[in-house]
N, C-alpha and C. Protein backbone atom coordinates (compact mmCIF):
# COMPACT_ATOMS: atom_id res chain seq x y z
N MET A 1 2.32 23.55 -27.25
CA MET A 1 3.01 24.40 -26.30
C MET A 1 2.59 24.09 -24.86
N LEU A 2 1.26 23.84 -24.65
CA LEU A 2 0.79 23.53 -23.30
C LEU A 2 1.32 22.20 -22.79
N VAL A 3 1.58 21.27 -23.70
CA VAL A 3 2.15 19.98 -23.28
C VAL A 3 3.56 20.21 -22.72
N ILE A 4 4.35 21.03 -23.38
CA ILE A 4 5.69 21.34 -22.89
C ILE A 4 5.61 22.09 -21.56
N LEU A 5 4.71 23.05 -21.47
CA LEU A 5 4.51 23.77 -20.21
C LEU A 5 4.11 22.81 -19.10
N SER A 6 3.25 21.86 -19.40
CA SER A 6 2.82 20.88 -18.40
C SER A 6 3.97 19.99 -17.95
N TYR A 7 4.85 19.63 -18.88
CA TYR A 7 6.04 18.87 -18.48
C TYR A 7 6.86 19.68 -17.47
N PHE A 8 7.11 20.94 -17.75
CA PHE A 8 7.90 21.78 -16.84
C PHE A 8 7.16 22.01 -15.53
N LEU A 9 5.86 22.16 -15.59
CA LEU A 9 5.06 22.29 -14.37
C LEU A 9 5.19 21.03 -13.53
N GLY A 10 5.05 19.87 -14.18
CA GLY A 10 5.21 18.60 -13.48
C GLY A 10 6.60 18.40 -12.92
N SER A 11 7.58 19.02 -13.55
CA SER A 11 8.98 18.88 -13.13
C SER A 11 9.33 19.66 -11.86
N ILE A 12 8.46 20.57 -11.43
CA ILE A 12 8.78 21.35 -10.22
C ILE A 12 8.90 20.38 -9.05
N PRO A 13 10.08 20.26 -8.45
CA PRO A 13 10.32 19.25 -7.40
C PRO A 13 9.98 19.79 -6.00
N PHE A 14 8.69 19.83 -5.69
CA PHE A 14 8.27 20.42 -4.42
C PHE A 14 8.95 19.78 -3.21
N GLY A 15 9.11 18.46 -3.22
CA GLY A 15 9.76 17.79 -2.09
C GLY A 15 11.19 18.27 -1.89
N TYR A 16 11.91 18.37 -2.98
CA TYR A 16 13.28 18.86 -2.91
C TYR A 16 13.30 20.31 -2.44
N LEU A 17 12.45 21.15 -3.02
CA LEU A 17 12.45 22.58 -2.69
C LEU A 17 12.07 22.82 -1.23
N VAL A 18 11.03 22.15 -0.75
CA VAL A 18 10.62 22.32 0.65
C VAL A 18 11.74 21.86 1.58
N GLY A 19 12.32 20.71 1.28
CA GLY A 19 13.41 20.22 2.12
C GLY A 19 14.61 21.14 2.13
N ARG A 20 15.03 21.56 0.97
CA ARG A 20 16.25 22.34 0.84
C ARG A 20 16.10 23.76 1.38
N TYR A 21 15.02 24.43 1.00
CA TYR A 21 14.91 25.86 1.32
C TYR A 21 14.15 26.15 2.60
N TRP A 22 13.36 25.21 3.09
CA TRP A 22 12.66 25.46 4.34
C TRP A 22 13.40 24.83 5.51
N LYS A 23 13.91 23.62 5.30
CA LYS A 23 14.54 22.89 6.39
C LYS A 23 16.04 22.66 6.20
N GLY A 24 16.60 23.05 5.05
CA GLY A 24 18.03 22.86 4.82
C GLY A 24 18.44 21.41 4.65
N VAL A 25 17.52 20.56 4.18
CA VAL A 25 17.77 19.13 4.04
C VAL A 25 17.50 18.71 2.59
N ASP A 26 18.38 17.92 2.03
CA ASP A 26 18.14 17.33 0.72
C ASP A 26 17.49 15.97 0.95
N VAL A 27 16.17 15.89 0.74
CA VAL A 27 15.45 14.65 1.03
C VAL A 27 15.89 13.50 0.13
N ARG A 28 16.59 13.80 -0.95
CA ARG A 28 17.11 12.73 -1.80
C ARG A 28 18.23 11.96 -1.11
N ARG A 29 18.77 12.52 -0.05
CA ARG A 29 19.88 11.89 0.68
C ARG A 29 19.43 11.32 2.03
N ARG A 30 18.14 11.35 2.30
CA ARG A 30 17.61 10.87 3.58
C ARG A 30 16.43 9.93 3.32
N GLY A 31 16.17 9.07 4.29
CA GLY A 31 15.04 8.16 4.17
C GLY A 31 15.16 7.30 2.93
N SER A 32 14.08 7.26 2.16
CA SER A 32 14.07 6.45 0.94
C SER A 32 14.80 7.13 -0.22
N GLY A 33 15.08 8.42 -0.07
CA GLY A 33 15.72 9.18 -1.14
C GLY A 33 14.73 9.74 -2.14
N ASN A 34 13.45 9.49 -1.93
CA ASN A 34 12.43 9.99 -2.85
C ASN A 34 12.03 11.41 -2.46
N ILE A 35 11.57 12.19 -3.44
CA ILE A 35 11.18 13.57 -3.17
C ILE A 35 9.69 13.72 -2.88
N GLY A 36 8.96 12.62 -2.81
CA GLY A 36 7.52 12.68 -2.59
C GLY A 36 7.13 12.92 -1.14
N ALA A 37 5.83 13.11 -0.95
CA ALA A 37 5.29 13.47 0.36
C ALA A 37 5.55 12.40 1.42
N THR A 38 5.55 11.12 1.07
CA THR A 38 5.76 10.07 2.07
C THR A 38 7.16 10.17 2.66
N ASN A 39 8.17 10.33 1.83
CA ASN A 39 9.53 10.47 2.35
C ASN A 39 9.71 11.78 3.09
N VAL A 40 9.09 12.84 2.58
CA VAL A 40 9.16 14.13 3.28
C VAL A 40 8.52 14.00 4.66
N LEU A 41 7.43 13.25 4.76
CA LEU A 41 6.81 13.01 6.07
C LEU A 41 7.79 12.32 7.01
N ARG A 42 8.46 11.30 6.54
CA ARG A 42 9.42 10.58 7.38
C ARG A 42 10.60 11.46 7.79
N VAL A 43 11.08 12.25 6.86
CA VAL A 43 12.31 13.02 7.09
C VAL A 43 12.04 14.35 7.79
N LEU A 44 10.98 15.04 7.38
CA LEU A 44 10.76 16.42 7.85
C LEU A 44 9.50 16.61 8.69
N GLY A 45 8.57 15.67 8.64
CA GLY A 45 7.36 15.79 9.44
C GLY A 45 6.12 16.12 8.64
N PRO A 46 4.97 16.18 9.34
CA PRO A 46 3.69 16.33 8.65
C PRO A 46 3.47 17.68 7.96
N GLY A 47 3.92 18.77 8.53
CA GLY A 47 3.72 20.08 7.90
C GLY A 47 4.36 20.18 6.54
N PRO A 48 5.67 19.93 6.45
CA PRO A 48 6.31 19.95 5.13
C PRO A 48 5.71 18.92 4.16
N ALA A 49 5.32 17.76 4.68
CA ALA A 49 4.73 16.73 3.81
C ALA A 49 3.42 17.22 3.20
N LEU A 50 2.60 17.91 3.98
CA LEU A 50 1.34 18.44 3.46
C LEU A 50 1.58 19.49 2.38
N ILE A 51 2.59 20.31 2.57
CA ILE A 51 2.94 21.32 1.57
C ILE A 51 3.37 20.64 0.27
N VAL A 52 4.20 19.62 0.38
CA VAL A 52 4.66 18.88 -0.80
C VAL A 52 3.48 18.20 -1.49
N LEU A 53 2.63 17.56 -0.71
CA LEU A 53 1.47 16.90 -1.30
C LEU A 53 0.58 17.90 -2.04
N ALA A 54 0.32 19.04 -1.41
CA ALA A 54 -0.50 20.07 -2.06
C ALA A 54 0.14 20.56 -3.36
N GLY A 55 1.44 20.77 -3.34
CA GLY A 55 2.13 21.22 -4.56
C GLY A 55 2.07 20.18 -5.66
N ASP A 56 2.30 18.92 -5.30
CA ASP A 56 2.29 17.85 -6.30
C ASP A 56 0.89 17.63 -6.87
N VAL A 57 -0.12 17.59 -5.99
CA VAL A 57 -1.50 17.43 -6.46
C VAL A 57 -1.89 18.63 -7.32
N GLY A 58 -1.51 19.81 -6.87
CA GLY A 58 -1.85 21.03 -7.60
C GLY A 58 -1.28 21.08 -9.00
N LYS A 59 -0.02 20.66 -9.16
CA LYS A 59 0.57 20.72 -10.50
C LYS A 59 -0.08 19.70 -11.43
N GLY A 60 -0.50 18.57 -10.90
CA GLY A 60 -1.22 17.60 -11.73
C GLY A 60 -2.58 18.14 -12.16
N ALA A 61 -3.31 18.71 -11.21
CA ALA A 61 -4.63 19.26 -11.52
C ALA A 61 -4.53 20.43 -12.49
N LEU A 62 -3.59 21.33 -12.24
CA LEU A 62 -3.44 22.50 -13.11
C LEU A 62 -3.13 22.10 -14.55
N SER A 63 -2.30 21.09 -14.72
CA SER A 63 -1.97 20.65 -16.08
C SER A 63 -3.21 20.14 -16.81
N VAL A 64 -4.06 19.41 -16.10
CA VAL A 64 -5.30 18.91 -16.70
C VAL A 64 -6.22 20.07 -17.07
N TYR A 65 -6.37 21.03 -16.15
CA TYR A 65 -7.25 22.17 -16.43
C TYR A 65 -6.74 22.99 -17.62
N LEU A 66 -5.44 23.18 -17.72
CA LEU A 66 -4.87 23.91 -18.86
C LEU A 66 -5.17 23.19 -20.17
N GLY A 67 -4.92 21.89 -20.18
CA GLY A 67 -5.15 21.11 -21.39
C GLY A 67 -6.62 21.04 -21.76
N GLN A 68 -7.47 20.88 -20.75
CA GLN A 68 -8.91 20.80 -21.02
C GLN A 68 -9.43 22.11 -21.59
N GLY A 69 -8.97 23.21 -21.04
CA GLY A 69 -9.41 24.51 -21.54
C GLY A 69 -9.02 24.75 -22.98
N ALA A 70 -7.89 24.22 -23.38
CA ALA A 70 -7.40 24.45 -24.74
C ALA A 70 -7.92 23.44 -25.75
N ALA A 71 -8.07 22.18 -25.33
CA ALA A 71 -8.38 21.13 -26.32
C ALA A 71 -9.23 20.00 -25.76
N GLY A 72 -10.06 20.27 -24.76
CA GLY A 72 -10.97 19.25 -24.25
C GLY A 72 -10.27 18.06 -23.63
N THR A 73 -10.90 16.89 -23.77
CA THR A 73 -10.35 15.69 -23.13
C THR A 73 -9.01 15.28 -23.71
N VAL A 74 -8.81 15.49 -25.00
CA VAL A 74 -7.52 15.16 -25.61
C VAL A 74 -6.42 16.04 -25.02
N GLY A 75 -6.68 17.33 -24.90
CA GLY A 75 -5.71 18.25 -24.30
C GLY A 75 -5.44 17.93 -22.85
N ALA A 76 -6.51 17.61 -22.11
CA ALA A 76 -6.35 17.26 -20.70
C ALA A 76 -5.48 16.02 -20.55
N ALA A 77 -5.73 15.02 -21.39
CA ALA A 77 -4.95 13.78 -21.33
C ALA A 77 -3.49 14.04 -21.69
N ALA A 78 -3.26 14.77 -22.76
CA ALA A 78 -1.88 15.04 -23.19
C ALA A 78 -1.12 15.84 -22.14
N CYS A 79 -1.74 16.87 -21.60
CA CYS A 79 -1.06 17.69 -20.59
C CYS A 79 -0.89 16.92 -19.28
N GLY A 80 -1.86 16.09 -18.92
CA GLY A 80 -1.73 15.27 -17.72
C GLY A 80 -0.57 14.30 -17.82
N ILE A 81 -0.47 13.63 -18.96
CA ILE A 81 0.65 12.70 -19.16
C ILE A 81 1.98 13.45 -19.11
N ALA A 82 2.03 14.62 -19.74
CA ALA A 82 3.27 15.41 -19.72
C ALA A 82 3.66 15.80 -18.30
N ALA A 83 2.69 16.18 -17.48
CA ALA A 83 2.98 16.54 -16.09
C ALA A 83 3.46 15.33 -15.30
N ALA A 84 2.85 14.17 -15.55
CA ALA A 84 3.28 12.95 -14.86
C ALA A 84 4.71 12.58 -15.24
N VAL A 85 5.04 12.71 -16.51
CA VAL A 85 6.42 12.44 -16.96
C VAL A 85 7.37 13.43 -16.30
N GLY A 86 6.99 14.71 -16.25
CA GLY A 86 7.83 15.71 -15.59
C GLY A 86 8.05 15.41 -14.12
N GLY A 87 7.00 14.98 -13.43
CA GLY A 87 7.14 14.65 -12.01
C GLY A 87 8.05 13.47 -11.77
N ALA A 88 8.00 12.50 -12.66
CA ALA A 88 8.81 11.29 -12.50
C ALA A 88 10.24 11.47 -12.99
N TRP A 89 10.42 12.30 -14.02
CA TRP A 89 11.74 12.52 -14.61
C TRP A 89 11.94 14.03 -14.80
N SER A 90 12.20 14.71 -13.71
CA SER A 90 12.27 16.17 -13.71
C SER A 90 13.54 16.70 -14.36
N VAL A 91 13.37 17.64 -15.26
CA VAL A 91 14.50 18.31 -15.89
C VAL A 91 15.32 19.06 -14.83
N PHE A 92 14.68 19.47 -13.74
CA PHE A 92 15.37 20.23 -12.70
C PHE A 92 16.19 19.35 -11.76
N LEU A 93 15.99 18.04 -11.82
CA LEU A 93 16.74 17.11 -10.97
C LEU A 93 17.51 16.10 -11.82
N ARG A 94 17.98 16.56 -12.98
CA ARG A 94 18.75 15.70 -13.89
C ARG A 94 17.99 14.42 -14.23
N PHE A 95 16.70 14.58 -14.44
CA PHE A 95 15.79 13.53 -14.83
C PHE A 95 15.56 12.48 -13.75
N GLY A 96 15.81 12.86 -12.50
CA GLY A 96 15.32 12.10 -11.37
C GLY A 96 13.97 12.70 -11.00
N GLY A 97 13.31 12.11 -10.04
CA GLY A 97 12.03 12.68 -9.64
C GLY A 97 11.31 11.81 -8.65
N GLY A 98 10.02 12.05 -8.53
CA GLY A 98 9.18 11.32 -7.59
C GLY A 98 8.62 10.05 -8.21
N LYS A 99 7.66 9.48 -7.51
CA LYS A 99 7.05 8.23 -7.96
C LYS A 99 5.70 8.42 -8.61
N GLY A 100 5.25 9.66 -8.65
CA GLY A 100 4.08 9.98 -9.45
C GLY A 100 2.74 9.95 -8.76
N MET A 101 2.70 9.66 -7.48
CA MET A 101 1.40 9.52 -6.83
C MET A 101 0.75 10.86 -6.53
N GLY A 102 1.51 11.85 -6.11
CA GLY A 102 0.92 13.16 -5.84
C GLY A 102 0.40 13.81 -7.11
N VAL A 103 1.26 13.90 -8.12
CA VAL A 103 0.84 14.50 -9.39
C VAL A 103 -0.26 13.66 -10.03
N GLY A 104 -0.15 12.34 -9.93
CA GLY A 104 -1.19 11.47 -10.48
C GLY A 104 -2.53 11.66 -9.79
N SER A 105 -2.49 11.87 -8.48
CA SER A 105 -3.73 12.13 -7.74
C SER A 105 -4.38 13.41 -8.24
N GLY A 106 -3.59 14.45 -8.43
CA GLY A 106 -4.13 15.70 -8.95
C GLY A 106 -4.72 15.54 -10.34
N ILE A 107 -4.07 14.75 -11.16
CA ILE A 107 -4.56 14.49 -12.52
C ILE A 107 -5.92 13.79 -12.47
N VAL A 108 -6.03 12.76 -11.64
CA VAL A 108 -7.28 12.01 -11.55
C VAL A 108 -8.38 12.85 -10.91
N ILE A 109 -8.06 13.58 -9.85
CA ILE A 109 -9.07 14.44 -9.21
C ILE A 109 -9.62 15.45 -10.20
N ALA A 110 -8.75 16.07 -10.98
CA ALA A 110 -9.18 17.11 -11.92
C ALA A 110 -9.93 16.56 -13.13
N SER A 111 -9.53 15.40 -13.62
CA SER A 111 -10.14 14.88 -14.84
C SER A 111 -11.30 13.94 -14.57
N MET A 112 -11.23 13.18 -13.48
CA MET A 112 -12.24 12.16 -13.20
C MET A 112 -12.51 12.07 -11.70
N PRO A 113 -13.20 13.04 -11.13
CA PRO A 113 -13.42 13.02 -9.68
C PRO A 113 -14.12 11.76 -9.19
N GLY A 114 -15.01 11.20 -10.02
CA GLY A 114 -15.69 9.96 -9.63
C GLY A 114 -14.71 8.80 -9.47
N VAL A 115 -13.74 8.72 -10.35
CA VAL A 115 -12.71 7.68 -10.25
C VAL A 115 -11.87 7.92 -9.00
N ALA A 116 -11.55 9.17 -8.73
CA ALA A 116 -10.79 9.50 -7.51
C ALA A 116 -11.56 9.06 -6.27
N LEU A 117 -12.88 9.24 -6.28
CA LEU A 117 -13.70 8.84 -5.13
C LEU A 117 -13.75 7.33 -4.95
N VAL A 118 -13.55 6.58 -6.01
CA VAL A 118 -13.48 5.12 -5.91
C VAL A 118 -12.10 4.68 -5.42
N LEU A 119 -11.05 5.29 -5.97
CA LEU A 119 -9.68 4.85 -5.67
C LEU A 119 -9.20 5.29 -4.29
N ALA A 120 -9.58 6.48 -3.85
CA ALA A 120 -9.07 7.01 -2.57
C ALA A 120 -9.40 6.10 -1.39
N PRO A 121 -10.64 5.60 -1.26
CA PRO A 121 -10.90 4.71 -0.12
C PRO A 121 -10.14 3.39 -0.21
N ILE A 122 -9.94 2.89 -1.43
CA ILE A 122 -9.16 1.65 -1.58
C ILE A 122 -7.74 1.88 -1.07
N TRP A 123 -7.14 2.99 -1.48
CA TRP A 123 -5.80 3.34 -1.01
C TRP A 123 -5.80 3.48 0.51
N GLY A 124 -6.75 4.22 1.03
CA GLY A 124 -6.81 4.46 2.47
C GLY A 124 -6.97 3.19 3.28
N ILE A 125 -7.83 2.31 2.84
CA ILE A 125 -8.05 1.05 3.56
C ILE A 125 -6.79 0.19 3.53
N LEU A 126 -6.18 0.07 2.35
CA LEU A 126 -4.94 -0.73 2.25
C LEU A 126 -3.84 -0.18 3.15
N VAL A 127 -3.66 1.13 3.14
CA VAL A 127 -2.61 1.74 3.96
C VAL A 127 -2.95 1.59 5.44
N ALA A 128 -4.22 1.77 5.81
CA ALA A 128 -4.61 1.63 7.21
C ALA A 128 -4.41 0.20 7.71
N LEU A 129 -4.72 -0.78 6.88
CA LEU A 129 -4.60 -2.18 7.29
C LEU A 129 -3.16 -2.68 7.30
N THR A 130 -2.34 -2.21 6.36
CA THR A 130 -0.99 -2.76 6.21
C THR A 130 0.12 -1.81 6.63
N ARG A 131 -0.19 -0.50 6.66
CA ARG A 131 0.78 0.57 6.89
C ARG A 131 1.83 0.66 5.78
N TYR A 132 1.54 0.06 4.63
CA TYR A 132 2.42 0.17 3.47
C TYR A 132 1.81 1.17 2.48
N VAL A 133 2.35 2.38 2.43
CA VAL A 133 1.89 3.38 1.47
C VAL A 133 2.12 2.87 0.05
N SER A 134 3.25 2.24 -0.16
CA SER A 134 3.58 1.76 -1.51
C SER A 134 2.59 0.71 -2.00
N LEU A 135 2.09 -0.15 -1.13
CA LEU A 135 1.12 -1.16 -1.54
C LEU A 135 -0.16 -0.50 -2.02
N GLY A 136 -0.66 0.46 -1.24
CA GLY A 136 -1.84 1.19 -1.67
C GLY A 136 -1.62 1.89 -3.00
N SER A 137 -0.46 2.47 -3.16
CA SER A 137 -0.13 3.20 -4.39
C SER A 137 -0.06 2.28 -5.60
N VAL A 138 0.56 1.14 -5.43
CA VAL A 138 0.69 0.18 -6.53
C VAL A 138 -0.69 -0.36 -6.92
N VAL A 139 -1.50 -0.70 -5.93
CA VAL A 139 -2.82 -1.26 -6.22
C VAL A 139 -3.70 -0.26 -6.97
N ILE A 140 -3.75 0.99 -6.48
CA ILE A 140 -4.64 1.94 -7.18
C ILE A 140 -4.07 2.34 -8.55
N SER A 141 -2.75 2.31 -8.69
CA SER A 141 -2.17 2.59 -10.01
C SER A 141 -2.59 1.53 -11.02
N ALA A 142 -2.65 0.29 -10.57
CA ALA A 142 -3.06 -0.80 -11.45
C ALA A 142 -4.57 -0.79 -11.70
N LEU A 143 -5.35 -0.38 -10.70
CA LEU A 143 -6.81 -0.38 -10.82
C LEU A 143 -7.38 0.83 -11.55
N ALA A 144 -6.64 1.92 -11.61
CA ALA A 144 -7.17 3.17 -12.16
C ALA A 144 -7.74 3.04 -13.57
N PRO A 145 -7.04 2.41 -14.51
CA PRO A 145 -7.62 2.30 -15.86
C PRO A 145 -8.92 1.49 -15.87
N LEU A 146 -8.96 0.43 -15.08
CA LEU A 146 -10.17 -0.39 -14.99
C LEU A 146 -11.32 0.42 -14.40
N ALA A 147 -11.05 1.15 -13.34
CA ALA A 147 -12.08 1.99 -12.72
C ALA A 147 -12.58 3.04 -13.71
N ALA A 148 -11.68 3.66 -14.44
CA ALA A 148 -12.08 4.68 -15.42
C ALA A 148 -12.95 4.06 -16.51
N TYR A 149 -12.58 2.88 -16.96
CA TYR A 149 -13.34 2.20 -18.01
C TYR A 149 -14.73 1.81 -17.50
N ILE A 150 -14.80 1.20 -16.33
CA ILE A 150 -16.08 0.76 -15.76
C ILE A 150 -17.01 1.94 -15.52
N LEU A 151 -16.45 3.05 -15.10
CA LEU A 151 -17.26 4.23 -14.82
C LEU A 151 -17.60 5.03 -16.09
N GLY A 152 -17.20 4.53 -17.25
CA GLY A 152 -17.60 5.13 -18.52
C GLY A 152 -16.88 6.41 -18.88
N MET A 153 -15.66 6.54 -18.42
CA MET A 153 -14.88 7.74 -18.76
C MET A 153 -14.49 7.71 -20.25
N PRO A 154 -14.24 8.88 -20.83
CA PRO A 154 -13.81 8.93 -22.24
C PRO A 154 -12.52 8.12 -22.44
N GLY A 155 -12.37 7.58 -23.63
CA GLY A 155 -11.19 6.78 -23.94
C GLY A 155 -9.89 7.50 -23.67
N GLU A 156 -9.86 8.82 -23.92
CA GLU A 156 -8.64 9.59 -23.66
C GLU A 156 -8.27 9.54 -22.18
N TYR A 157 -9.28 9.54 -21.33
CA TYR A 157 -9.02 9.52 -19.88
C TYR A 157 -8.60 8.12 -19.41
N VAL A 158 -9.16 7.09 -20.04
CA VAL A 158 -8.71 5.74 -19.72
C VAL A 158 -7.23 5.60 -20.08
N LEU A 159 -6.86 6.11 -21.25
CA LEU A 159 -5.44 6.08 -21.65
C LEU A 159 -4.59 6.95 -20.72
N LEU A 160 -5.13 8.08 -20.30
CA LEU A 160 -4.42 8.96 -19.37
C LEU A 160 -4.06 8.22 -18.09
N VAL A 161 -5.05 7.58 -17.46
CA VAL A 161 -4.73 6.90 -16.19
C VAL A 161 -3.92 5.63 -16.41
N ALA A 162 -4.03 5.03 -17.59
CA ALA A 162 -3.15 3.89 -17.88
C ALA A 162 -1.70 4.35 -17.96
N ALA A 163 -1.47 5.49 -18.61
CA ALA A 163 -0.11 6.03 -18.71
C ALA A 163 0.41 6.48 -17.35
N VAL A 164 -0.41 7.23 -16.62
CA VAL A 164 0.01 7.74 -15.31
C VAL A 164 0.23 6.58 -14.34
N GLY A 165 -0.68 5.60 -14.36
CA GLY A 165 -0.51 4.42 -13.51
C GLY A 165 0.71 3.62 -13.90
N GLY A 166 0.96 3.51 -15.21
CA GLY A 166 2.16 2.80 -15.67
C GLY A 166 3.44 3.46 -15.20
N ILE A 167 3.47 4.79 -15.26
CA ILE A 167 4.63 5.53 -14.75
C ILE A 167 4.82 5.24 -13.27
N ALA A 168 3.74 5.30 -12.52
CA ALA A 168 3.83 5.05 -11.07
C ALA A 168 4.32 3.64 -10.79
N LEU A 169 3.85 2.66 -11.55
CA LEU A 169 4.30 1.28 -11.34
C LEU A 169 5.79 1.14 -11.66
N ILE A 170 6.24 1.77 -12.74
CA ILE A 170 7.67 1.74 -13.07
C ILE A 170 8.48 2.35 -11.93
N LYS A 171 8.04 3.50 -11.45
CA LYS A 171 8.78 4.20 -10.39
C LYS A 171 8.70 3.47 -9.04
N HIS A 172 7.73 2.58 -8.88
CA HIS A 172 7.60 1.80 -7.64
C HIS A 172 8.24 0.41 -7.75
N SER A 173 9.01 0.15 -8.80
CA SER A 173 9.56 -1.20 -8.98
C SER A 173 10.42 -1.64 -7.79
N SER A 174 11.21 -0.73 -7.23
CA SER A 174 12.02 -1.12 -6.06
C SER A 174 11.13 -1.36 -4.85
N ASN A 175 10.04 -0.61 -4.71
CA ASN A 175 9.11 -0.85 -3.61
C ASN A 175 8.45 -2.22 -3.75
N ILE A 176 8.08 -2.57 -4.98
CA ILE A 176 7.45 -3.86 -5.22
C ILE A 176 8.40 -4.99 -4.82
N LYS A 177 9.66 -4.86 -5.19
CA LYS A 177 10.65 -5.88 -4.81
C LYS A 177 10.78 -5.97 -3.30
N ARG A 178 10.80 -4.82 -2.61
CA ARG A 178 10.90 -4.83 -1.15
C ARG A 178 9.64 -5.39 -0.50
N LEU A 179 8.48 -5.11 -1.06
CA LEU A 179 7.24 -5.68 -0.54
C LEU A 179 7.29 -7.20 -0.63
N ILE A 180 7.70 -7.71 -1.78
CA ILE A 180 7.78 -9.16 -1.98
C ILE A 180 8.78 -9.79 -1.02
N ALA A 181 9.89 -9.10 -0.78
CA ALA A 181 10.94 -9.62 0.12
C ALA A 181 10.63 -9.38 1.59
N GLY A 182 9.55 -8.65 1.89
CA GLY A 182 9.21 -8.34 3.28
C GLY A 182 10.12 -7.30 3.89
N GLU A 183 10.71 -6.44 3.07
CA GLU A 183 11.68 -5.45 3.55
C GLU A 183 11.21 -4.01 3.38
N GLU A 184 9.97 -3.81 2.95
CA GLU A 184 9.47 -2.45 2.71
C GLU A 184 9.22 -1.73 4.04
N ARG A 185 9.55 -0.46 4.07
CA ARG A 185 9.34 0.37 5.25
C ARG A 185 7.86 0.71 5.38
N LYS A 186 7.34 0.65 6.60
CA LYS A 186 5.93 0.94 6.85
C LYS A 186 5.74 2.40 7.23
N LEU A 187 4.52 2.89 7.02
CA LEU A 187 4.16 4.24 7.43
C LEU A 187 4.35 4.37 8.93
N GLY A 188 4.98 5.44 9.34
CA GLY A 188 5.24 5.67 10.76
C GLY A 188 6.63 5.27 11.19
N GLU A 189 7.32 4.47 10.39
CA GLU A 189 8.71 4.13 10.71
C GLU A 189 9.58 5.33 10.38
N PRO A 190 10.53 5.63 11.24
CA PRO A 190 11.37 6.82 11.00
C PRO A 190 12.32 6.62 9.82
N ALA A 191 12.77 7.75 9.30
CA ALA A 191 13.80 7.72 8.25
C ALA A 191 15.11 7.29 8.87
N ASP A 192 16.06 6.94 8.02
CA ASP A 192 17.39 6.54 8.50
C ASP A 192 18.03 7.62 9.34
């Protein structure tokens, strides 16, 4: 039951809700069309983006805490994966959704804070040097399972970040193509 609840929790489209009900804008029709904090930042500004980021991180963390309380690391992993699937393929947006970085961050922070402390600076340095949020996101999504394994996390958590990272990589496929083609939008560039 908690896995299903976590899917619905992950499905809450904070980017869409903040855009639509606070600013009267459907962020799916502006900028990159994504409902995540980066596109909300471009389209609506830093305040709404912080609210979206907090909501996305919070739903990832809450799903892990619910699962952990009920069934330990196995429950945390199952509920975390369900929340990540919900965030990427939301029932409330006809199975559209975000790219999984906000909810994934919450999942990693809640389940493996040490791994989060390793990955966050890597993301920050990459974004600061290149201004490509997507590059930082793709790199840490790929590195997360390795970091979890090296830091001795339980096998369930290694599988958790492999699944969450895999979802993020799938959802970033168009970004990866644009990065390779030299056409990816940089942080700070305005929305369309």
